[in-house]
Protein backbone atom coordinates (compact mmCIF):
# COMPACT_ATOMS: atom_id res chain seq x y z
CA MET A 1 0.00 0.00 0.00
CA THR A 2 1.37 3.40 -0.94
CA SER A 3 1.65 6.22 1.59
CA SER A 4 -1.22 8.04 -0.14
CA GLU A 5 -3.44 4.96 0.02
CA ASN A 6 -2.59 4.45 3.69
CA ALA A 7 -3.35 8.11 4.42
CA GLY A 8 -6.75 7.75 2.76
CA SER A 9 -7.63 4.51 4.57
CA SER A 10 -6.75 6.04 7.94
CA LEU A 11 -9.71 8.40 7.48
CA LEU A 12 -12.17 5.52 7.19
CA ILE A 13 -14.17 4.28 10.16
CA GLY A 14 -12.45 1.10 11.32
CA GLY A 15 -9.38 1.82 9.21
CA PRO A 16 -5.77 1.81 10.40
CA VAL A 17 -4.80 4.32 13.05
CA PRO A 18 -2.50 7.01 11.62
CA GLY A 19 0.95 6.60 13.08
CA ALA A 20 1.88 10.27 13.24
CA ALA A 21 0.51 13.69 12.41
CA ARG A 22 1.72 15.41 9.27
CA GLN A 23 4.51 17.87 9.89
CA GLY A 24 5.84 20.90 8.04
CA ARG A 25 4.42 23.51 5.70
CA HIS A 26 5.95 22.45 2.36
CA LYS A 27 2.53 21.28 1.05
CA GLN A 28 0.49 24.04 2.68
CA ARG A 29 -2.22 25.70 0.57
CA TYR A 30 -2.56 29.49 0.53
CA GLY A 31 -5.36 31.73 -0.70
CA GLU A 32 -5.11 34.42 -3.36
CA ALA A 33 -4.36 37.05 -0.72
CA GLY A 34 -1.65 34.91 0.88
CA GLU A 35 -3.81 33.70 3.74
CA ARG A 36 -3.11 30.22 5.10
CA LEU A 37 -5.94 27.77 4.38
CA VAL A 38 -6.89 25.36 7.13
CA ALA A 39 -9.62 22.77 7.56
CA GLY A 40 -11.25 21.19 10.57
CA CYS A 41 -14.35 19.81 12.18
CA ILE A 42 -16.79 20.30 15.00
CA PRO A 43 -17.20 16.65 16.06
CA VAL A 44 -20.61 15.78 17.53
CA ARG A 45 -22.49 12.69 18.65
CA PHE A 46 -26.14 12.00 19.45
CA PHE A 47 -27.64 9.76 22.10
CA GLY A 48 -31.02 8.15 21.56
CA CYS A 49 -33.07 8.18 18.38
CA THR A 50 -33.96 11.86 18.48
CA GLU A 51 -31.73 14.43 16.85
CA SER A 52 -32.20 17.30 19.28
CA ALA A 53 -30.09 19.77 21.19
CA GLN A 54 -30.72 17.80 24.37
CA HIS A 55 -29.27 14.63 22.82
CA VAL A 56 -26.04 16.01 21.40
CA GLN A 57 -22.53 16.29 22.80
CA VAL A 58 -19.68 18.23 21.23
CA CYS A 59 -16.08 17.04 21.18
CA MET A 60 -13.37 19.54 22.04
CA ILE A 61 -9.66 19.15 22.68
CA THR A 62 -7.17 20.95 24.85
CA THR A 63 -4.53 23.07 23.19
CA THR A 64 -1.03 21.63 23.21
CA SER A 65 -0.16 24.15 25.92
CA GLY A 66 -3.19 23.03 27.93
CA ASN A 67 -4.64 26.52 28.37
CA GLY A 68 -7.97 26.20 26.60
CA LEU A 69 -10.46 24.15 24.61
CA VAL A 70 -10.62 24.22 20.81
CA PHE A 71 -11.93 22.23 17.85
CA PRO A 72 -9.51 20.16 15.77
CA LYS A 73 -8.14 21.94 12.69
CA GLY A 74 -4.94 22.37 10.77
CA GLY A 75 -3.32 23.09 7.45
CA TRP A 76 -5.06 22.07 4.22
CA GLU A 77 -2.35 20.55 2.04
CA ASP A 78 -2.06 20.49 -1.74
CA ASP A 79 -2.37 16.70 -2.12
CA GLU A 80 -5.79 16.37 -0.48
CA SER A 81 -9.35 17.61 -0.77
CA VAL A 82 -10.72 20.00 1.82
CA GLU A 83 -12.94 17.20 3.17
CA SER A 84 -9.97 14.88 3.60
CA ALA A 85 -7.96 17.64 5.26
CA ALA A 86 -10.76 18.22 7.78
CA GLN A 87 -11.04 14.49 8.49
CA ARG A 88 -7.28 14.04 8.77
CA GLU A 89 -6.79 16.91 11.20
CA THR A 90 -9.68 15.63 13.30
CA VAL A 91 -8.31 12.11 13.66
CA GLU A 92 -4.77 13.41 14.26
CA GLU A 93 -5.74 15.91 16.95
CA ALA A 94 -8.91 14.47 18.51
CA GLY A 95 -8.72 10.78 17.68
CA VAL A 96 -12.25 10.55 16.31
CA ARG A 97 -13.57 9.47 12.91
CA GLY A 98 -16.99 9.72 11.37
CA VAL A 99 -19.00 11.16 8.52
CA LEU A 100 -19.22 14.78 7.48
CA GLU A 101 -22.49 16.67 7.55
CA GLU A 102 -22.98 18.48 4.28
CA PRO A 103 -22.83 21.14 3.07
CA LEU A 104 -19.71 22.78 4.47
CA LEU A 105 -20.60 24.69 7.63
CA GLY A 106 -18.69 27.77 6.55
CA VAL A 107 -15.39 29.54 5.97
CA PHE A 108 -14.16 31.52 8.95
CA ALA A 109 -11.37 34.11 8.85
CA PHE A 110 -9.04 34.56 11.80
CA SER A 111 -5.57 35.76 12.70
CA GLY A 112 -3.28 32.82 13.33
CA GLY A 113 -0.77 32.65 16.13
CA LYS A 114 1.92 31.50 13.70
CA HIS A 115 3.45 33.91 11.21
CA VAL A 116 2.17 33.77 7.63
CA TYR A 117 3.87 35.86 4.95
CA ASP A 118 2.66 37.45 1.74
CA ALA A 119 4.48 37.32 -1.61
CA GLN A 120 6.74 40.21 -0.53
CA GLY A 121 7.70 38.46 2.70
CA ASN A 122 5.56 40.65 4.93
CA PRO A 123 3.93 38.93 7.92
CA VAL A 124 0.15 38.94 7.60
CA GLY A 125 -0.92 36.21 10.03
CA LYS A 126 -4.26 35.70 8.31
CA CYS A 127 -5.99 32.35 7.96
CA LYS A 128 -9.21 30.98 6.51
CA ALA A 129 -10.72 27.90 8.10
CA PHE A 130 -13.04 25.56 6.19
CA ILE A 131 -15.16 23.94 8.89
CA TYR A 132 -17.40 20.89 8.73
CA VAL A 133 -19.53 19.17 11.34
CA MET A 134 -18.49 15.55 11.83
CA HIS A 135 -20.93 12.97 13.20
CA VAL A 136 -18.59 10.79 15.24
CA ALA A 137 -18.80 7.04 14.70
CA GLU A 138 -15.50 5.95 16.23
CA GLU A 139 -13.27 7.07 19.09
CA LEU A 140 -9.69 5.87 19.11
CA PRO A 141 -8.05 5.04 22.47
CA SER A 142 -4.74 6.31 21.08
CA TRP A 143 -4.07 8.75 18.25
CA PRO A 144 -1.14 10.82 16.92
CA GLU A 145 -1.53 13.74 19.36
CA SER A 146 -3.02 11.83 22.31
CA LYS A 147 0.09 12.55 24.41
CA ASP A 148 -0.33 16.29 23.90
CA ARG A 149 -4.10 16.77 24.00
CA GLN A 150 -7.06 15.73 26.09
CA ARG A 151 -10.36 14.90 24.41
CA ILE A 152 -13.44 16.37 26.11
CA TRP A 153 -17.17 15.93 25.46
CA CYS A 154 -19.38 18.93 26.29
CA THR A 155 -22.93 20.09 25.93
CA ILE A 156 -23.46 22.72 23.24
CA ALA A 157 -23.83 25.46 25.85
CA GLU A 158 -20.63 24.43 27.65
CA ALA A 159 -18.73 24.23 24.38
CA SER A 160 -19.84 27.73 23.43
CA ARG A 161 -18.91 29.17 26.83
CA GLN A 162 -15.54 27.47 27.14
CA CYS A 163 -14.26 27.75 23.57
CA LYS A 164 -10.90 29.51 23.51
CA HIS A 165 -11.33 31.28 20.17
CA GLN A 166 -14.22 33.54 19.20
CA TRP A 167 -14.21 32.40 15.56
CA MET A 168 -14.64 28.79 16.65
CA ARG A 169 -17.51 29.83 18.88
CA GLU A 170 -19.12 31.53 15.90
CA ALA A 171 -18.71 28.33 13.87
CA LEU A 172 -20.50 26.34 16.57
CA ARG A 173 -23.25 28.94 16.74
CA ALA A 174 -23.65 28.75 12.95
CA TRP A 175 -24.35 25.02 13.24
CA VAL A 176 -26.79 25.56 16.11
CA ARG A 177 -28.68 28.12 14.02
CA ARG A 178 -28.66 25.73 11.04
CA LYS A 179 -30.36 23.13 13.25
CA GLY A 180 -32.91 25.64 14.53
CA TRP A 181 -31.77 25.37 18.14
CA ASP A 182 -31.58 29.08 18.89
CA GLU A 183 -32.72 28.55 22.48
CA VAL A 184 -29.40 26.81 23.16
CA LEU A 185 -27.58 30.01 22.23
CA GLU A 186 -29.58 31.90 24.83
CA SER A 187 -28.44 29.38 27.44
CA ALA A 188 -24.84 29.72 26.33
CA ASP A 189 -25.02 33.52 26.40
CA GLY A 190 -26.07 33.28 30.02
CA GLY A 191 -22.54 32.21 30.88
CA SER A 192 -20.77 34.87 28.85
CA SER A 193 -18.72 35.98 31.85
CA ALA A 194 -16.69 32.80 31.41
CA HIS A 195 -15.40 34.19 28.11
CA GLN A 196 -13.39 36.79 29.98
CA GLN A 197 -11.34 34.01 31.57
CA GLN A 198 -10.61 32.12 28.35
CA GLN A 199 -7.07 33.38 27.79
CA GLN A 200 -6.09 32.48 31.38
CA GLY A 201 -7.13 28.84 31.13
CA VAL A 202 -10.44 27.12 30.66
CA PRO A 203 -11.92 25.03 33.48
CA LEU A 204 -13.19 21.62 32.44
CA ASP A 205 -16.06 21.49 34.94
CA GLY A 206 -19.31 20.47 33.32
CA CYS A 207 -17.64 18.59 30.47
CA TYR A 208 -17.32 14.87 29.96
CA SER A 209 -13.84 13.46 29.57
CA CYS A 210 -13.56 10.58 27.14
CA VAL A 211 -9.83 9.96 26.97
CA GLY A 212 -9.20 6.30 26.35
CA SER A 213 -12.89 5.50 25.98
CA ALA A 214 -14.17 2.57 23.98
CA SER A 215 -15.26 3.15 20.42
CA ALA A 216 -18.78 4.49 20.01
CA ARG A 217 -20.80 4.00 16.86
CA LEU A 218 -23.82 5.88 15.62
CA PRO A 219 -27.21 4.22 15.17
CA ASP A 220 -28.60 3.70 11.67
CA SER A 221 -27.38 6.65 9.59
CA ASP A 222 -30.84 6.97 8.01
CA ALA A 223 -31.90 8.68 11.24
CA TYR A 224 -29.64 11.63 10.46
CA ASN A 225 -29.46 14.19 7.70
CA PHE A 226 -25.88 13.78 6.60
CA LYS A 227 -23.78 11.73 4.21
CA ALA A 228 -20.26 10.43 4.21
CA ALA A 229 -17.50 12.30 2.45
CA GLU A 230 -15.22 9.82 0.68
CA PRO A 231 -11.55 10.32 1.58
CA CYS A 232 -9.68 11.90 -1.29
CA VAL A 233 -5.95 12.51 -1.25
CA THR A 234 -5.59 14.17 -4.64
CA MET A 235 -7.24 17.34 -5.85
CA SER A 236 -6.63 19.81 -8.62
CA SER A 237 -5.10 23.02 -7.36
CA SER A 238 -7.25 25.06 -9.75
């Protein structure tokens, strides 16, 4: 099996566990304005047969420095589709695999913490994140970044309150609005004072730790309005 084939199969539910996260920026995609393009997911799971706000949990991960909760995301590389990039980053950072809810949730601009340079070599630090919602079907007990990150399951309201980055919070809120669960946003806004503490560390109270948990699989996919995105490791750069 070639490295590309192995990379693709590692995105499949029940496939081989990726041995290591991709490193380096030599394959990194950039936008027309020089912004770094990244892809990621908001991983979710439902309990019971009803798809409702009361039956959903959201997966978040700690930053590598341990000072906050975020959603998995990372660089979109030039040998993969945006869907595959989102799936790859999610299994590398959070150790979960599943199927992507379509369409794409949205593209969110933010200023990255790592320097990005334009064609003239000037630092711009701008990024665009292509974010999907992933319906989790499998949790891995060990994954490439499991030594550096903790995997946490939260309610929607807790995820919104404790999210380290505002743009990620807006992505979550976009999904909640798509589902018609606006009342959940009101609940989350009730804890807005917690946002002021986000840069000083995020408490994990009220979340559900799942590190090392057994694999969990979704019920019959016909109960949900999503479809799988086939892994794709090659894509035209046009």
